[in-house]
Amino acid sequence: MQDHRPVDLTNCDREPIHQLGTIQPIGFLIAVTADWIVARASSNVEGFIGREAKDLIGNPLAEVFTAKAIHDLRNKVGMMRGAEAVERLFSAELIKQTYFDVAIHFSGSQIVIEAERGEGHAQDTTGVVKSMIGRLDQTQDLNSFFREGARQVRALLGYDRVMVYKFDPDGSGEVIAEACKTGIGIFKGLHYPASDIPQQARVLYKRNLIRIITDVNAEPVRIVPQLDEAGLPLDLSLSTLRFVSPIHIEYLKNMGVQASLSISIIVEGELWGLFACHHYATRCPSFQQRAVSELFAHVCDEAGEPTAA
């Protein structure tokens, strides 16, 4: 069950948000050893592939997924460079006639595979991003650049509100641009204290560029077993499905927000700001849409425009 105690911001900096041991129910997780034996699985895996988590543990992944899926997953792992790398596989037929979009990363010595139901075809992500960047190239100044960036993200993902949030040197932040539907008020120009985003969350923003919350009322899905032989939970720092802090969930509920998504803007290796998306009903953009939005943020960084602000 979620912790519904009142928000206590004094505890935020000490909360182990990367080791909560749960994911969101929009997908499933399987962690395998270096020899591709299932070591962990999310408790909801049966609803996606028809096999209970307890029946997967200790068995080869090749007995669960199709041969082609195993081949493609191994190839993606072979492409990974460094402990922070994340690879994606779109429309993978993990089990017969059932397609998933997949993210793969290392967590310690284990390979973590996260999957959401796919659409059966891969989107032209490069073409979409080129179109979005083309609109940015037409802007005449920084204000219009940021405003157009927010508009492009909102057009892609469909959230009620998309803000460009810029961090100040002291850790506080300001909404410097936004795109939102009419009648929900304006956040542009608002300032927020550094305590709104605790330090360990900022570290994760640099390591994992996308964070999604599809429904603040969703029940977290446990990973089994919770602890490994060394008594440690799975580190979900690079997870796409990681459930978020109960403190942050309460914070969003207090704002009337039911779903959110953030995209980190990294400039010269540092966290410059965020595209912060809010929705006042449940919302889950597709895996491929989120991949496009992350690529868009990368290209914005490479464009070098935000450094002038």
C-alpha atoms as a PDB file:
ATOM      1  CA  MET A   1       0.000   0.000   0.000  1.00  0.00           C
ATOM      2  CA  GLN A   2       1.052   3.560  -0.569  1.00  0.00           C
ATOM      3  CA  ASP A   3       2.065   5.703   2.360  1.00  0.00           C
ATOM      4  CA  HIS A   4      -0.560   8.457   2.678  1.00  0.00           C
ATOM      5  CA  ARG A   5       0.996  10.308   5.584  1.00  0.00           C
ATOM      6  CA  PRO A   6       1.186  14.089   5.202  1.00  0.00           C
ATOM      7  CA  VAL A   7       4.111  15.417   3.189  1.00  0.00           C
ATOM      8  CA  ASP A   8       7.163  16.027   5.352  1.00  0.00           C
ATOM      9  CA  LEU A   9       9.745  17.858   3.270  1.00  0.00           C
ATOM     10  CA  THR A  10      12.340  17.484   6.033  1.00  0.00           C
ATOM     11  CA  ASN A  11      12.514  13.771   5.204  1.00  0.00           C
ATOM     12  CA  CYS A  12      12.848  14.185   1.429  1.00  0.00           C
ATOM     13  CA  ASP A  13      16.636  14.334   1.222  1.00  0.00           C
ATOM     14  CA  ARG A  14      16.935  11.079   3.197  1.00  0.00           C
ATOM     15  CA  GLU A  15      14.372   9.046   1.270  1.00  0.00           C
ATOM     16  CA  PRO A  16      15.919   6.180  -0.796  1.00  0.00           C
ATOM     17  CA  ILE A  17      13.775   6.905  -3.854  1.00  0.00           C
ATOM     18  CA  HIS A  18      15.867   4.642  -6.116  1.00  0.00           C
ATOM     19  CA  GLN A  19      15.350   1.609  -3.860  1.00  0.00           C
ATOM     20  CA  LEU A  20      11.629   1.582  -3.158  1.00  0.00           C
ATOM     21  CA  GLY A  21      11.330  -1.929  -4.622  1.00  0.00           C
ATOM     22  CA  THR A  22       8.224  -1.212  -6.677  1.00  0.00           C
ATOM     23  CA  ILE A  23       7.244  -0.249 -10.224  1.00  0.00           C
ATOM     24  CA  GLN A  24       4.184   1.295 -11.832  1.00  0.00           C
ATOM     25  CA  PRO A  25       1.572  -1.131 -13.183  1.00  0.00           C
ATOM     26  CA  ILE A  26       1.805   0.039 -16.826  1.00  0.00           C
ATOM     27  CA  GLY A  27       4.452  -2.598 -17.517  1.00  0.00           C
ATOM     28  CA  PHE A  28       6.475  -5.425 -16.014  1.00  0.00           C
ATOM     29  CA  LEU A  29      10.093  -5.981 -14.998  1.00  0.00           C
ATOM     30  CA  ILE A  30      12.382  -8.986 -15.188  1.00  0.00           C
ATOM     31  CA  ALA A  31      15.975  -8.940 -13.922  1.00  0.00           C
ATOM     32  CA  VAL A  32      18.364 -11.631 -15.131  1.00  0.00           C
ATOM     33  CA  THR A  33      21.878 -12.697 -14.217  1.00  0.00           C
ATOM     34  CA  ALA A  34      24.844 -12.477 -16.578  1.00  0.00           C
ATOM     35  CA  ASP A  35      23.971 -15.955 -17.890  1.00  0.00           C
ATOM     36  CA  TRP A  36      20.346 -14.901 -18.499  1.00  0.00           C
ATOM     37  CA  ILE A  37      18.737 -16.709 -15.590  1.00  0.00           C
ATOM     38  CA  VAL A  38      15.732 -14.903 -14.100  1.00  0.00           C
ATOM     39  CA  ALA A  39      16.676 -13.483 -10.701  1.00  0.00           C
ATOM     40  CA  ARG A  40      13.750 -11.128 -10.055  1.00  0.00           C
ATOM     41  CA  ALA A  41      10.393 -10.281 -11.557  1.00  0.00           C
ATOM     42  CA  SER A  42       7.584  -7.863 -10.843  1.00  0.00           C
ATOM     43  CA  SER A  43       4.544  -9.419  -9.218  1.00  0.00           C
ATOM     44  CA  ASN A  44       2.278  -8.352 -12.102  1.00  0.00           C
ATOM     45  CA  VAL A  45       4.201 -10.230 -14.794  1.00  0.00           C
ATOM     46  CA  GLU A  46       1.496 -12.885 -15.183  1.00  0.00           C
ATOM     47  CA  GLY A  47      -0.940 -10.287 -16.510  1.00  0.00           C
ATOM     48  CA  PHE A  48       1.439  -9.541 -19.381  1.00  0.00           C
ATOM     49  CA  ILE A  49       3.028 -12.869 -20.335  1.00  0.00           C
ATOM     50  CA  GLY A  50       0.914 -15.485 -18.565  1.00  0.00           C
ATOM     51  CA  ARG A  51       3.629 -16.720 -16.177  1.00  0.00           C
ATOM     52  CA  GLU A  52       3.722 -16.019 -12.440  1.00  0.00           C
ATOM     53  CA  ALA A  53       6.775 -14.323 -11.004  1.00  0.00           C
ATOM     54  CA  LYS A  54       7.538 -17.209  -8.626  1.00  0.00           C
ATOM     55  CA  ASP A  55       7.575 -19.639 -11.561  1.00  0.00           C
ATOM     56  CA  LEU A  56      10.124 -17.546 -13.463  1.00  0.00           C
ATOM     57  CA  ILE A  57      12.751 -17.178 -10.738  1.00  0.00           C
ATOM     58  CA  GLY A  58      15.739 -19.461 -11.338  1.00  0.00           C
ATOM     59  CA  ASN A  59      14.760 -20.398 -14.886  1.00  0.00           C
ATOM     60  CA  PRO A  60      16.459 -19.358 -18.158  1.00  0.00           C
ATOM     61  CA  LEU A  61      14.830 -16.379 -19.845  1.00  0.00           C
ATOM     62  CA  ALA A  62      15.001 -18.401 -23.070  1.00  0.00           C
ATOM     63  CA  GLU A  63      12.198 -20.557 -21.662  1.00  0.00           C
ATOM     64  CA  VAL A  64      10.001 -17.470 -21.301  1.00  0.00           C
ATOM     65  CA  PHE A  65      10.602 -15.279 -24.372  1.00  0.00           C
ATOM     66  CA  THR A  66      10.782 -16.198 -28.059  1.00  0.00           C
ATOM     67  CA  ALA A  67      14.143 -17.096 -29.583  1.00  0.00           C
ATOM     68  CA  LYS A  68      14.126 -13.945 -31.704  1.00  0.00           C
ATOM     69  CA  ALA A  69      13.395 -11.782 -28.670  1.00  0.00           C
ATOM     70  CA  ILE A  70      16.314 -13.343 -26.778  1.00  0.00           C
ATOM     71  CA  HIS A  71      18.589 -12.743 -29.777  1.00  0.00           C
ATOM     72  CA  ASP A  72      17.509  -9.101 -30.070  1.00  0.00           C
ATOM     73  CA  LEU A  73      17.849  -8.493 -26.343  1.00  0.00           C
ATOM     74  CA  ARG A  74      21.350  -9.968 -26.294  1.00  0.00           C
ATOM     75  CA  ASN A  75      22.318  -7.740 -29.209  1.00  0.00           C
ATOM     76  CA  LYS A  76      21.059  -4.668 -27.363  1.00  0.00           C
ATOM     77  CA  VAL A  77      23.036  -5.611 -24.266  1.00  0.00           C
ATOM     78  CA  GLY A  78      26.107  -6.013 -26.467  1.00  0.00           C
ATOM     79  CA  MET A  79      25.606  -2.435 -27.686  1.00  0.00           C
ATOM     80  CA  MET A  80      25.539  -0.970 -24.190  1.00  0.00           C
ATOM     81  CA  ARG A  81      28.540   1.137 -23.240  1.00  0.00           C
ATOM     82  CA  GLY A  82      29.021   1.830 -19.558  1.00  0.00           C
ATOM     83  CA  ALA A  83      26.975   1.251 -16.431  1.00  0.00           C
ATOM     84  CA  GLU A  84      24.635   4.188 -17.163  1.00  0.00           C
ATOM     85  CA  ALA A  85      23.609   3.029 -20.634  1.00  0.00           C
ATOM     86  CA  VAL A  86      19.982   2.301 -21.496  1.00  0.00           C
ATOM     87  CA  GLU A  87      18.956   0.578 -24.733  1.00  0.00           C
ATOM     88  CA  ARG A  88      15.472   0.299 -26.203  1.00  0.00           C
ATOM     89  CA  LEU A  89      13.726  -2.253 -28.366  1.00  0.00           C
ATOM     90  CA  PHE A  90      10.455  -1.296 -30.033  1.00  0.00           C
ATOM     91  CA  SER A  91       7.644  -3.691 -30.940  1.00  0.00           C
ATOM     92  CA  ALA A  92       9.477  -6.800 -29.777  1.00  0.00           C
ATOM     93  CA  GLU A  93       7.505 -10.053 -29.956  1.00  0.00           C
ATOM     94  CA  LEU A  94       8.526 -11.241 -26.491  1.00  0.00           C
ATOM     95  CA  ILE A  95       5.887 -13.961 -26.533  1.00  0.00           C
ATOM     96  CA  LYS A  96       3.999 -15.311 -29.527  1.00  0.00           C
ATOM     97  CA  GLN A  97       1.827 -12.667 -31.236  1.00  0.00           C
ATOM     98  CA  THR A  98       2.242 -10.199 -28.357  1.00  0.00           C
ATOM     99  CA  TYR A  99       4.385  -7.111 -28.872  1.00  0.00           C
ATOM    100  CA  PHE A 100       6.163  -5.012 -26.284  1.00  0.00           C
ATOM    101  CA  ASP A 101       8.334  -1.925 -26.155  1.00  0.00           C
ATOM    102  CA  VAL A 102      11.377  -2.689 -24.027  1.00  0.00           C
ATOM    103  CA  ALA A 103      14.027  -0.782 -22.085  1.00  0.00           C
ATOM    104  CA  ILE A 104      17.201  -2.559 -20.940  1.00  0.00           C
ATOM    105  CA  HIS A 105      19.847  -1.448 -18.465  1.00  0.00           C
ATOM    106  CA  PHE A 106      22.312  -2.814 -15.934  1.00  0.00           C
ATOM    107  CA  SER A 107      21.646  -2.689 -12.206  1.00  0.00           C
ATOM    108  CA  GLY A 108      24.764  -3.928 -10.488  1.00  0.00           C
ATOM    109  CA  SER A 109      25.531  -7.338 -11.964  1.00  0.00           C
ATOM    110  CA  GLN A 110      22.005  -7.908 -13.247  1.00  0.00           C
ATOM    111  CA  ILE A 111      20.376  -7.018 -16.567  1.00  0.00           C
ATOM    112  CA  VAL A 112      17.024  -5.306 -16.030  1.00  0.00           C
ATOM    113  CA  ILE A 113      14.384  -5.723 -18.734  1.00  0.00           C
ATOM    114  CA  GLU A 114      11.289  -3.531 -18.525  1.00  0.00           C
ATOM    115  CA  ALA A 115       8.433  -3.914 -20.965  1.00  0.00           C
ATOM    116  CA  GLU A 116       5.167  -2.205 -21.820  1.00  0.00           C
ATOM    117  CA  ARG A 117       2.610  -3.367 -24.361  1.00  0.00           C
ATOM    118  CA  GLY A 118       3.625  -2.094 -27.778  1.00  0.00           C
ATOM    119  CA  GLU A 119       1.731  -1.076 -30.877  1.00  0.00           C
ATOM    120  CA  GLY A 120       3.245  -3.688 -33.191  1.00  0.00           C
ATOM    121  CA  HIS A 121       5.186  -1.151 -35.245  1.00  0.00           C
ATOM    122  CA  ALA A 122       8.049   1.251 -34.641  1.00  0.00           C
ATOM    123  CA  GLN A 123       7.529   4.998 -34.976  1.00  0.00           C
ATOM    124  CA  ASP A 124       9.839   7.163 -37.105  1.00  0.00           C
ATOM    125  CA  THR A 125      11.356   8.909 -34.090  1.00  0.00           C
ATOM    126  CA  THR A 126      14.027  10.724 -36.086  1.00  0.00           C
ATOM    127  CA  GLY A 127      11.476  12.255 -38.451  1.00  0.00           C
ATOM    128  CA  VAL A 128       9.275  13.452 -35.595  1.00  0.00           C
ATOM    129  CA  VAL A 129      12.208  15.064 -33.785  1.00  0.00           C
ATOM    130  CA  LYS A 130      13.406  16.763 -36.976  1.00  0.00           C
ATOM    131  CA  SER A 131       9.978  18.322 -37.400  1.00  0.00           C
ATOM    132  CA  MET A 132       9.953  19.527 -33.775  1.00  0.00           C
ATOM    133  CA  ILE A 133      13.447  21.000 -34.050  1.00  0.00           C
ATOM    134  CA  GLY A 134      12.496  22.679 -37.322  1.00  0.00           C
ATOM    135  CA  ARG A 135       9.890  24.706 -35.458  1.00  0.00           C
ATOM    136  CA  LEU A 136      12.446  25.683 -32.815  1.00  0.00           C
ATOM    137  CA  ASP A 137      14.806  26.884 -35.542  1.00  0.00           C
ATOM    138  CA  GLN A 138      12.184  29.390 -36.650  1.00  0.00           C
ATOM    139  CA  THR A 139      12.073  31.185 -33.297  1.00  0.00           C
ATOM    140  CA  GLN A 140      13.621  34.654 -33.058  1.00  0.00           C
ATOM    141  CA  ASP A 141      14.653  34.910 -29.398  1.00  0.00           C
ATOM    142  CA  LEU A 142      15.110  32.838 -26.238  1.00  0.00           C
ATOM    143  CA  ASN A 143      11.643  33.497 -24.846  1.00  0.00           C
ATOM    144  CA  SER A 144      10.000  32.247 -28.021  1.00  0.00           C
ATOM    145  CA  PHE A 145      12.512  29.351 -28.142  1.00  0.00           C
ATOM    146  CA  PHE A 146      11.467  28.118 -24.704  1.00  0.00           C
ATOM    147  CA  ARG A 147       7.775  28.732 -25.368  1.00  0.00           C
ATOM    148  CA  GLU A 148       7.924  26.796 -28.635  1.00  0.00           C
ATOM    149  CA  GLY A 149       9.780  23.968 -26.902  1.00  0.00           C
ATOM    150  CA  ALA A 150       6.939  23.672 -24.385  1.00  0.00           C
ATOM    151  CA  ARG A 151       4.388  23.744 -27.222  1.00  0.00           C
ATOM    152  CA  GLN A 152       6.158  20.987 -29.114  1.00  0.00           C
ATOM    153  CA  VAL A 153       6.328  18.722 -26.055  1.00  0.00           C
ATOM    154  CA  ARG A 154       2.652  19.352 -25.305  1.00  0.00           C
ATOM    155  CA  ALA A 155       1.677  18.616 -28.931  1.00  0.00           C
ATOM    156  CA  LEU A 156       3.612  15.347 -28.770  1.00  0.00           C
ATOM    157  CA  LEU A 157       2.512  14.109 -25.330  1.00  0.00           C
ATOM    158  CA  GLY A 158      -0.882  15.782 -24.820  1.00  0.00           C
ATOM    159  CA  TYR A 159      -0.552  16.949 -21.217  1.00  0.00           C
ATOM    160  CA  ASP A 160      -2.771  19.723 -19.868  1.00  0.00           C
ATOM    161  CA  ARG A 161       0.276  21.783 -18.935  1.00  0.00           C
ATOM    162  CA  VAL A 162       3.924  21.680 -20.063  1.00  0.00           C
ATOM    163  CA  MET A 163       6.384  23.986 -18.319  1.00  0.00           C
ATOM    164  CA  VAL A 164      10.022  24.814 -18.931  1.00  0.00           C
ATOM    165  CA  TYR A 165      11.486  24.882 -15.431  1.00  0.00           C
ATOM    166  CA  LYS A 166      14.954  26.427 -15.021  1.00  0.00           C
ATOM    167  CA  PHE A 167      17.141  25.825 -11.972  1.00  0.00           C
ATOM    168  CA  ASP A 168      18.938  28.733 -10.326  1.00  0.00           C
ATOM    169  CA  PRO A 169      22.459  28.298  -8.866  1.00  0.00           C
ATOM    170  CA  ASP A 170      21.045  28.026  -5.333  1.00  0.00           C
ATOM    171  CA  GLY A 171      18.834  25.091  -6.320  1.00  0.00           C
ATOM    172  CA  SER A 172      15.565  27.000  -6.482  1.00  0.00           C
ATOM    173  CA  GLY A 173      13.714  27.215  -9.775  1.00  0.00           C
ATOM    174  CA  GLU A 174      11.465  29.291 -11.983  1.00  0.00           C
ATOM    175  CA  VAL A 175       8.879  28.474 -14.641  1.00  0.00           C
ATOM    176  CA  ILE A 176      10.249  30.448 -17.592  1.00  0.00           C
ATOM    177  CA  ALA A 177       7.809  29.202 -20.257  1.00  0.00           C
ATOM    178  CA  GLU A 178       4.704  27.062 -20.542  1.00  0.00           C
ATOM    179  CA  ALA A 179       2.042  25.754 -22.887  1.00  0.00           C
ATOM    180  CA  CYS A 180      -1.294  24.758 -21.397  1.00  0.00           C
ATOM    181  CA  LYS A 181      -4.954  24.353 -22.135  1.00  0.00           C
ATOM    182  CA  THR A 182      -7.165  27.335 -21.459  1.00  0.00           C
ATOM    183  CA  GLY A 183      -8.872  27.842 -18.126  1.00  0.00           C
ATOM    184  CA  ILE A 184      -6.352  26.173 -15.802  1.00  0.00           C
ATOM    185  CA  GLY A 185      -4.340  29.226 -14.777  1.00  0.00           C
ATOM    186  CA  ILE A 186      -0.817  30.367 -15.541  1.00  0.00           C
ATOM    187  CA  PHE A 187       2.333  29.133 -13.764  1.00  0.00           C
ATOM    188  CA  LYS A 188       4.849  31.086 -15.845  1.00  0.00           C
ATOM    189  CA  GLY A 189       6.957  33.326 -13.612  1.00  0.00           C
ATOM    190  CA  LEU A 190       6.373  31.302 -10.456  1.00  0.00           C
ATOM    191  CA  HIS A 191       9.407  30.526  -8.293  1.00  0.00           C
ATOM    192  CA  TYR A 192       9.857  27.376  -6.199  1.00  0.00           C
ATOM    193  CA  PRO A 193      12.284  26.712  -3.323  1.00  0.00           C
ATOM    194  CA  ALA A 194      15.146  24.242  -3.636  1.00  0.00           C
ATOM    195  CA  SER A 195      13.399  21.975  -1.104  1.00  0.00           C
ATOM    196  CA  ASP A 196      10.678  21.188  -3.678  1.00  0.00           C
ATOM    197  CA  ILE A 197      13.139  18.894  -5.483  1.00  0.00           C
ATOM    198  CA  PRO A 198      15.393  17.079  -2.984  1.00  0.00           C
ATOM    199  CA  GLN A 199      19.030  16.453  -3.772  1.00  0.00           C
ATOM    200  CA  GLN A 200      18.770  12.730  -4.465  1.00  0.00           C
ATOM    201  CA  ALA A 201      15.981  13.437  -6.977  1.00  0.00           C
ATOM    202  CA  ARG A 202      18.254  15.882  -8.798  1.00  0.00           C
ATOM    203  CA  VAL A 203      20.911  13.184  -9.030  1.00  0.00           C
ATOM    204  CA  LEU A 204      18.377  10.823 -10.619  1.00  0.00           C
ATOM    205  CA  TYR A 205      17.267  13.547 -13.052  1.00  0.00           C
ATOM    206  CA  LYS A 206      20.827  13.538 -14.413  1.00  0.00           C
ATOM    207  CA  ARG A 207      21.050   9.755 -14.646  1.00  0.00           C
ATOM    208  CA  ASN A 208      17.535   9.013 -15.907  1.00  0.00           C
ATOM    209  CA  LEU A 209      16.189  11.722 -18.197  1.00  0.00           C
ATOM    210  CA  ILE A 210      12.511  10.696 -18.181  1.00  0.00           C
ATOM    211  CA  ARG A 211      10.303  10.219 -15.156  1.00  0.00           C
ATOM    212  CA  ILE A 212       6.634   9.385 -15.627  1.00  0.00           C
ATOM    213  CA  ILE A 213       3.746   9.087 -13.171  1.00  0.00           C
ATOM    214  CA  THR A 214       0.671   7.817 -14.987  1.00  0.00           C
ATOM    215  CA  ASP A 215      -1.762   7.838 -12.068  1.00  0.00           C
ATOM    216  CA  VAL A 216      -1.148   9.173  -8.567  1.00  0.00           C
ATOM    217  CA  ASN A 217      -3.779   6.706  -7.284  1.00  0.00           C
ATOM    218  CA  ALA A 218      -2.153   3.611  -8.825  1.00  0.00           C
ATOM    219  CA  GLU A 219      -1.015   0.858  -6.508  1.00  0.00           C
ATOM    220  CA  PRO A 220       2.730   0.099  -6.652  1.00  0.00           C
ATOM    221  CA  VAL A 221       3.758  -3.318  -7.971  1.00  0.00           C
ATOM    222  CA  ARG A 222       6.286  -5.216  -5.851  1.00  0.00           C
ATOM    223  CA  ILE A 223       9.452  -6.755  -7.244  1.00  0.00           C
ATOM    224  CA  VAL A 224      10.055 -10.298  -6.004  1.00  0.00           C
ATOM    225  CA  PRO A 225      12.164 -11.167  -4.255  1.00  0.00           C
ATOM    226  CA  GLN A 226      12.444  -7.752  -2.610  1.00  0.00           C
ATOM    227  CA  LEU A 227      15.996  -8.446  -1.399  1.00  0.00           C
ATOM    228  CA  ASP A 228      18.842 -10.368  -3.012  1.00  0.00           C
ATOM    229  CA  GLU A 229      21.184 -12.801  -1.262  1.00  0.00           C
ATOM    230  CA  ALA A 230      23.147  -9.849   0.123  1.00  0.00           C
ATOM    231  CA  GLY A 231      19.968  -8.355   1.576  1.00  0.00           C
ATOM    232  CA  LEU A 232      19.819  -5.495  -0.941  1.00  0.00           C
ATOM    233  CA  PRO A 233      16.852  -4.218  -2.961  1.00  0.00           C
ATOM    234  CA  LEU A 234      17.118  -3.716  -6.721  1.00  0.00           C
ATOM    235  CA  ASP A 235      18.556  -0.311  -7.614  1.00  0.00           C
ATOM    236  CA  LEU A 236      15.978   1.277  -9.936  1.00  0.00           C
ATOM    237  CA  SER A 237      17.873   4.483 -10.680  1.00  0.00           C
ATOM    238  CA  LEU A 238      17.747   3.876 -14.449  1.00  0.00           C
ATOM    239  CA  SER A 239      14.297   2.283 -14.479  1.00  0.00           C
ATOM    240  CA  THR A 240      11.580   3.582 -16.803  1.00  0.00           C
ATOM    241  CA  LEU A 241       8.845   2.087 -14.612  1.00  0.00           C
ATOM    242  CA  ARG A 242      10.175   2.986 -11.164  1.00  0.00           C
ATOM    243  CA  PHE A 243       7.436   3.914  -8.714  1.00  0.00           C
ATOM    244  CA  VAL A 244       8.019   7.301  -7.166  1.00  0.00           C
ATOM    245  CA  SER A 245       8.221   8.581  -3.634  1.00  0.00           C
ATOM    246  CA  PRO A 246       4.970   8.618  -1.620  1.00  0.00           C
ATOM    247  CA  ILE A 247       6.017  12.122  -0.554  1.00  0.00           C
ATOM    248  CA  HIS A 248       6.042  13.286  -4.169  1.00  0.00           C
ATOM    249  CA  ILE A 249       2.730  11.536  -4.863  1.00  0.00           C
ATOM    250  CA  GLU A 250       1.159  13.477  -1.995  1.00  0.00           C
ATOM    251  CA  TYR A 251       2.719  16.683  -3.310  1.00  0.00           C
ATOM    252  CA  LEU A 252       1.060  16.172  -6.714  1.00  0.00           C
ATOM    253  CA  LYS A 253      -2.284  15.293  -5.133  1.00  0.00           C
ATOM    254  CA  ASN A 254      -2.168  18.523  -3.164  1.00  0.00           C
ATOM    255  CA  MET A 255      -1.792  20.363  -6.490  1.00  0.00           C
ATOM    256  CA  GLY A 256      -4.721  18.476  -8.035  1.00  0.00           C
ATOM    257  CA  VAL A 257      -2.373  16.774 -10.515  1.00  0.00           C
ATOM    258  CA  GLN A 258      -3.197  13.160 -11.365  1.00  0.00           C
ATOM    259  CA  ALA A 259      -0.420  12.385 -13.872  1.00  0.00           C
ATOM    260  CA  SER A 260       2.961  13.924 -14.617  1.00  0.00           C
ATOM    261  CA  LEU A 261       6.059  13.520 -16.701  1.00  0.00           C
ATOM    262  CA  SER A 262       9.417  15.262 -16.533  1.00  0.00           C
ATOM    263  CA  ILE A 263      12.185  15.426 -19.115  1.00  0.00           C
ATOM    264  CA  SER A 264      15.611  16.509 -17.916  1.00  0.00           C
ATOM    265  CA  ILE A 265      17.447  19.261 -19.794  1.00  0.00           C
ATOM    266  CA  ILE A 266      21.170  18.648 -19.371  1.00  0.00           C
ATOM    267  CA  VAL A 267      23.594  21.383 -20.440  1.00  0.00           C
ATOM    268  CA  GLU A 268      27.346  20.794 -20.381  1.00  0.00           C
ATOM    269  CA  GLY A 269      26.843  17.773 -18.133  1.00  0.00           C
ATOM    270  CA  GLU A 270      24.771  19.617 -15.536  1.00  0.00           C
ATOM    271  CA  LEU A 271      21.049  19.672 -14.791  1.00  0.00           C
ATOM    272  CA  TRP A 272      19.921  22.962 -16.333  1.00  0.00           C
ATOM    273  CA  GLY A 273      16.171  22.436 -16.000  1.00  0.00           C
ATOM    274  CA  LEU A 274      13.177  20.317 -16.881  1.00  0.00           C
ATOM    275  CA  PHE A 275      10.239  20.033 -19.180  1.00  0.00           C
ATOM    276  CA  ALA A 276       7.634  19.472 -16.439  1.00  0.00           C
ATOM    277  CA  CYS A 277       4.298  18.084 -17.649  1.00  0.00           C
ATOM    278  CA  HIS A 278       1.104  17.982 -15.565  1.00  0.00           C
ATOM    279  CA  HIS A 279      -2.259  16.421 -16.332  1.00  0.00           C
ATOM    280  CA  TYR A 280      -5.451  16.587 -14.310  1.00  0.00           C
ATOM    281  CA  ALA A 281      -6.589  13.082 -15.241  1.00  0.00           C
ATOM    282  CA  THR A 282      -4.689   9.826 -15.683  1.00  0.00           C
ATOM    283  CA  ARG A 283      -2.360   9.842 -18.686  1.00  0.00           C
ATOM    284  CA  CYS A 284       0.191   7.438 -20.146  1.00  0.00           C
ATOM    285  CA  PRO A 285       1.939   8.532 -23.350  1.00  0.00           C
ATOM    286  CA  SER A 286       3.266   5.584 -25.301  1.00  0.00           C
ATOM    287  CA  PHE A 287       6.770   4.272 -24.774  1.00  0.00           C
ATOM    288  CA  GLN A 288       7.707   5.533 -28.232  1.00  0.00           C
ATOM    289  CA  GLN A 289       6.316   9.022 -27.577  1.00  0.00           C
ATOM    290  CA  ARG A 290       8.414   9.245 -24.438  1.00  0.00           C
ATOM    291  CA  ALA A 291      11.505   8.110 -26.356  1.00  0.00           C
ATOM    292  CA  VAL A 292      10.874  10.901 -28.878  1.00  0.00           C
ATOM    293  CA  SER A 293      10.535  13.479 -26.103  1.00  0.00           C
ATOM    294  CA  GLU A 294      13.850  12.373 -24.565  1.00  0.00           C
ATOM    295  CA  LEU A 295      15.583  12.619 -27.940  1.00  0.00           C
ATOM    296  CA  PHE A 296      14.056  16.072 -28.412  1.00  0.00           C
ATOM    297  CA  ALA A 297      15.544  17.208 -25.081  1.00  0.00           C
ATOM    298  CA  HIS A 298      18.947  15.872 -26.178  1.00  0.00           C
ATOM    299  CA  VAL A 299      18.770  17.818 -29.425  1.00  0.00           C
ATOM    300  CA  CYS A 300      17.720  20.979 -27.567  1.00  0.00           C
ATOM    301  CA  ASP A 301      20.849  20.594 -25.437  1.00  0.00           C
ATOM    302  CA  GLU A 302      23.039  20.157 -28.501  1.00  0.00           C
ATOM    303  CA  ALA A 303      21.485  23.266 -30.041  1.00  0.00           C
ATOM    304  CA  GLY A 304      23.087  25.204 -27.222  1.00  0.00           C
ATOM    305  CA  GLU A 305      20.288  27.744 -26.902  1.00  0.00           C
ATOM    306  CA  PRO A 306      19.505  27.354 -23.166  1.00  0.00           C
ATOM    307  CA  THR A 307      23.034  28.316 -22.143  1.00  0.00           C
ATOM    308  CA  ALA A 308      22.263  31.911 -23.098  1.00  0.00           C
ATOM    309  CA  ALA A 309      19.484  32.247 -20.536  1.00  0.00           C
END
